[in-house]
Protein backbone atom coordinates (compact mmCIF):
# COMPACT_ATOMS: atom_id res chain seq x y z
CA MET A 1 82.42 106.34 88.64
CA SER A 2 78.74 106.08 89.64
CA THR A 3 78.75 107.18 93.28
CA TRP A 4 81.63 108.92 95.03
CA THR A 5 81.88 110.44 98.51
CA ALA A 6 85.23 111.37 100.00
CA ILE A 7 87.01 113.75 102.35
CA TYR A 8 90.62 114.79 101.80
CA ILE A 9 92.76 116.27 104.58
CA ASN A 10 95.97 118.14 103.79
CA ASN A 11 97.89 116.58 106.67
CA SER A 12 100.58 113.91 106.97
CA ASP A 13 99.71 112.69 110.48
CA GLN A 14 97.26 109.83 109.85
CA ASP A 15 97.08 108.85 113.54
CA LYS A 16 95.95 112.35 114.45
CA VAL A 17 93.33 112.30 111.67
CA ILE A 18 91.98 108.92 112.83
CA LYS A 19 91.77 110.17 116.40
CA LYS A 20 89.72 113.16 115.24
CA LEU A 21 87.41 110.98 113.13
CA LYS A 22 86.80 108.68 116.10
CA GLN A 23 85.82 111.72 118.13
CA LEU A 24 83.38 112.90 115.45
CA THR A 25 81.81 109.48 114.83
CA ASN A 26 82.00 107.93 118.31
CA ILE A 27 83.36 104.81 116.60
CA ASP A 28 85.99 102.86 118.55
CA ASN A 29 86.14 99.77 116.33
CA GLU A 30 89.25 100.03 114.13
CA ILE A 31 90.75 97.47 111.76
CA THR A 32 93.53 97.64 109.18
CA GLY A 33 93.53 95.93 105.80
CA GLU A 34 92.82 96.24 102.11
CA PHE A 35 90.12 98.51 100.69
CA PRO A 36 86.81 96.62 101.18
CA ASP A 37 85.25 95.15 98.05
CA ASN A 38 81.71 95.77 99.33
CA PHE A 39 82.23 99.46 100.14
CA HIS A 40 79.51 100.67 97.74
CA ASN A 41 76.91 98.45 99.44
CA ARG A 42 77.19 100.50 102.61
CA TYR A 43 75.80 103.87 101.48
CA LEU A 44 73.23 105.14 103.98
CA LEU A 45 69.70 105.86 102.84
CA ASP A 46 69.37 108.95 105.05
CA ILE A 47 71.34 111.65 103.21
CA LYS A 48 71.63 113.72 106.41
CA SER A 49 73.29 110.96 108.44
CA ASN A 50 76.94 111.24 109.36
CA PRO A 51 79.15 108.45 108.01
CA SER A 52 79.06 105.14 109.87
CA PHE A 53 81.69 103.41 107.72
CA LEU A 54 84.97 105.17 106.92
CA VAL A 55 88.03 103.91 105.06
CA ILE A 56 91.15 105.98 105.73
CA GLY A 57 94.44 105.90 103.88
CA LYS A 58 97.50 108.06 103.29
CA THR A 59 97.41 108.18 99.49
CA GLN A 60 99.98 110.98 99.23
CA ASP A 61 102.68 112.24 101.57
CA ASP A 62 100.67 115.34 102.40
CA TRP A 63 97.07 114.20 101.80
CA ILE A 64 94.94 111.68 103.68
CA THR A 65 91.92 110.18 101.91
CA ILE A 66 88.70 109.22 103.71
CA ARG A 67 86.10 107.35 101.68
CA HIS A 68 82.80 107.12 103.56
CA ASN A 69 79.19 106.01 103.20
CA SER A 70 77.19 109.22 103.60
CA PHE A 71 75.77 111.78 101.17
CA SER A 72 75.82 114.48 103.86
CA LYS A 73 77.74 117.66 103.04
CA LEU A 74 79.50 117.34 106.43
CA VAL A 75 79.78 121.08 106.96
CA LYS A 76 80.42 120.72 110.70
CA TRP A 77 83.13 118.15 110.01
CA GLY A 78 84.82 120.33 107.42
CA LYS A 79 84.96 123.31 109.76
CA GLU A 80 86.01 121.34 112.83
CA ILE A 81 88.65 119.14 111.19
CA SER A 82 90.25 122.05 109.33
CA ASP A 83 90.30 124.11 112.54
CA ASP A 84 91.58 121.44 114.94
CA LEU A 85 94.22 120.07 112.55
CA ALA A 86 95.10 123.44 111.00
CA SER A 87 94.68 121.85 107.59
CA LYS A 88 92.87 122.33 104.34
CA VAL A 89 89.93 119.95 104.01
CA ILE A 90 88.22 119.08 100.73
CA VAL A 91 84.79 117.43 100.73
CA THR A 92 83.60 115.83 97.48
CA ALA A 93 80.57 113.91 96.27
CA ALA A 94 79.39 112.74 92.87
CA GLN A 95 76.46 110.72 91.59
CA SER A 96 76.48 110.15 87.85
CA VAL A 97 72.93 108.71 87.65
CA SER A 98 71.41 111.93 88.99
CA SER A 99 74.22 114.10 87.54
CA ALA A 100 74.87 115.59 90.99
CA TYR A 101 78.31 116.91 91.93
CA TYR A 102 79.68 118.60 95.05
CA PHE A 103 82.96 120.26 96.07
CA ALA A 104 83.81 122.21 99.21
CA LEU A 105 87.06 123.57 100.60
CA TYR A 106 87.62 124.41 104.27
CA ASP A 107 90.65 126.07 105.81
CA ASN A 108 91.33 126.92 109.46
CA GLY A 109 87.71 126.42 110.47
CA GLU A 110 86.11 128.37 107.63
CA LYS A 111 84.31 127.31 104.48
CA ILE A 112 86.23 128.96 101.65
CA ARG A 113 84.46 127.57 98.59
CA GLU A 114 81.37 125.44 97.93
CA ILE A 115 79.97 124.28 94.59
CA GLU A 116 76.94 122.04 94.14
CA VAL A 117 75.10 121.20 90.93
CA CYS A 118 72.41 118.69 90.06
CA TYR A 119 71.65 118.62 86.35
CA SER A 120 68.70 116.24 86.74
CA THR A 121 66.65 118.80 88.71
CA ASP A 122 65.80 122.49 88.46
CA ASP A 123 67.67 123.32 91.67
CA GLU A 124 69.86 126.39 91.51
CA ILE A 125 73.61 125.93 91.47
CA ILE A 126 75.37 126.64 94.76
CA ASP A 127 78.37 128.84 94.00
CA PHE A 128 79.69 130.02 97.37
CA GLY A 129 82.89 131.95 97.98
CA ASN A 130 85.40 133.77 95.84
CA HIS A 131 86.41 131.96 92.68
CA PHE A 132 89.86 130.42 92.68
CA ASP A 133 92.47 131.99 90.43
CA PHE A 134 92.32 129.00 88.10
CA GLU A 135 88.53 129.13 87.68
CA ASN A 136 86.53 130.52 84.80
CA GLU A 137 83.53 132.86 84.95
CA ALA A 138 81.37 129.97 86.15
CA PRO A 139 82.29 126.79 88.07
CA GLY A 140 83.53 123.87 86.00
CA LEU A 141 85.32 123.27 82.75
CA ILE A 142 84.73 125.16 79.51
CA TYR A 143 83.01 123.37 76.63
CA LYS A 144 82.71 124.95 73.20
CA ARG A 145 80.15 123.84 70.63
CA ASP A 146 78.96 125.71 67.56
CA GLU A 147 80.81 128.80 68.78
CA LYS A 148 78.82 128.69 72.03
CA ILE A 149 80.62 128.45 75.35
CA SER A 150 79.17 126.57 78.30
CA TYR A 151 80.49 125.55 81.70
CA ILE A 152 79.98 122.06 83.06
CA PHE A 153 80.80 121.11 86.63
CA ASP A 154 81.15 117.33 86.82
CA PHE A 155 83.46 114.66 88.23
CA GLU A 156 86.20 115.67 85.79
CA SER A 157 85.89 119.20 87.15
CA ILE A 158 86.25 117.94 90.72
CA GLU A 159 89.40 116.06 89.72
CA GLU A 160 90.78 119.18 88.03
CA TYR A 161 90.03 121.40 91.03
CA CYS A 162 91.78 118.97 93.39
CA ILE A 163 94.86 118.81 91.16
CA HIS A 164 95.29 122.56 91.65
CA PHE A 165 95.76 121.82 95.36
CA GLY A 166 98.31 119.10 94.69
CA LEU A 167 95.78 116.32 95.24
CA LYS A 168 95.16 113.37 92.94
CA ILE A 169 91.85 111.75 93.88
CA GLN A 170 91.84 108.85 91.41
CA THR A 171 94.44 106.33 92.44
CA ASP A 172 94.91 102.57 92.75
CA TYR A 173 93.53 101.74 96.18
CA ASN A 174 95.29 98.37 96.11
CA ASP A 175 98.60 100.17 96.61
CA TYR A 176 97.75 101.18 100.18
CA LYS A 177 96.79 99.75 103.54
CA TRP A 178 93.59 101.19 104.93
CA THR A 179 92.22 101.85 108.39
CA ILE A 180 88.51 101.09 108.64
CA LEU A 181 86.16 102.63 111.19
CA LYS A 182 82.85 100.77 111.35
CA SER A 183 79.94 101.69 113.60
CA LYS A 184 78.44 98.87 115.67
CA TYR A 185 74.97 100.36 115.20
CA LYS A 186 72.87 99.18 112.25
CA GLN A 187 71.51 101.86 109.91
CA LEU A 188 69.35 101.45 106.83
CA THR A 189 71.42 101.42 103.65
CA MET A 190 70.33 102.03 100.08
CA VAL A 191 70.91 98.35 99.35
CA ASP A 192 68.64 97.39 102.28
CA TYR A 193 65.92 99.67 100.95
CA VAL A 194 66.12 98.33 97.40
CA LYS A 195 65.94 94.75 98.67
CA HIS A 196 62.96 95.61 100.87
CA MET A 197 61.07 97.28 98.01
CA HIS A 198 61.83 94.41 95.66
CA LYS A 199 60.53 91.90 98.20
CA LYS A 200 57.45 94.02 98.91
CA ASN A 201 56.60 94.44 95.22
CA LYS A 202 56.94 90.72 94.54
CA LYS A 203 54.19 90.08 97.07
CA SER A 204 51.82 92.67 95.63
CA PRO A 205 49.20 91.79 93.01
CA TRP A 206 49.99 93.06 89.52
CA TRP A 207 47.30 95.77 89.64
CA LYS A 208 48.98 97.54 92.57
CA PHE A 209 51.91 98.49 90.39
CA TRP A 210 49.69 100.86 88.36
């Protein structure tokens, strides 16, 4: 795992979920097929943008998985989807390069729990809501070293939290058929930006790099 953004909806009606996502995204274009190989090339540069590329699949009888291309926390989506579909909604994100990890749970239109950490910066941990019964004093898993106890919230923690709600987030995507919603409007992706900067730097004289 290097980059991971996903929404999980505790609902068995995939058609109803897709209808709601179309309403939120204003995307009408829908195709069905295998999980796209180039999914990770579609991450949007603007971290506040709503997803423009969504891959939806029923990975468990009672959970629907939506992988998407945005780093937004999608608070409005979490509240609205959980309210309209009367379902629990889990929003997750992880970026191992920056050691940033995010988990949020919504239920019946309310945000119940939110955890956000970024170990590569000095930003304070977001620890919103009452701790779940299975949690420790601090978010994450316990690590003991030299008789010292620390708590680390990482991708393994996100997996563990989801398991407590009967959700397995790591699965073989090749086992499912996926519905893909793709916006017809072009937005700048991280790959586009990297290519642009690489091209720009190649044209610059060596002294402009310093």
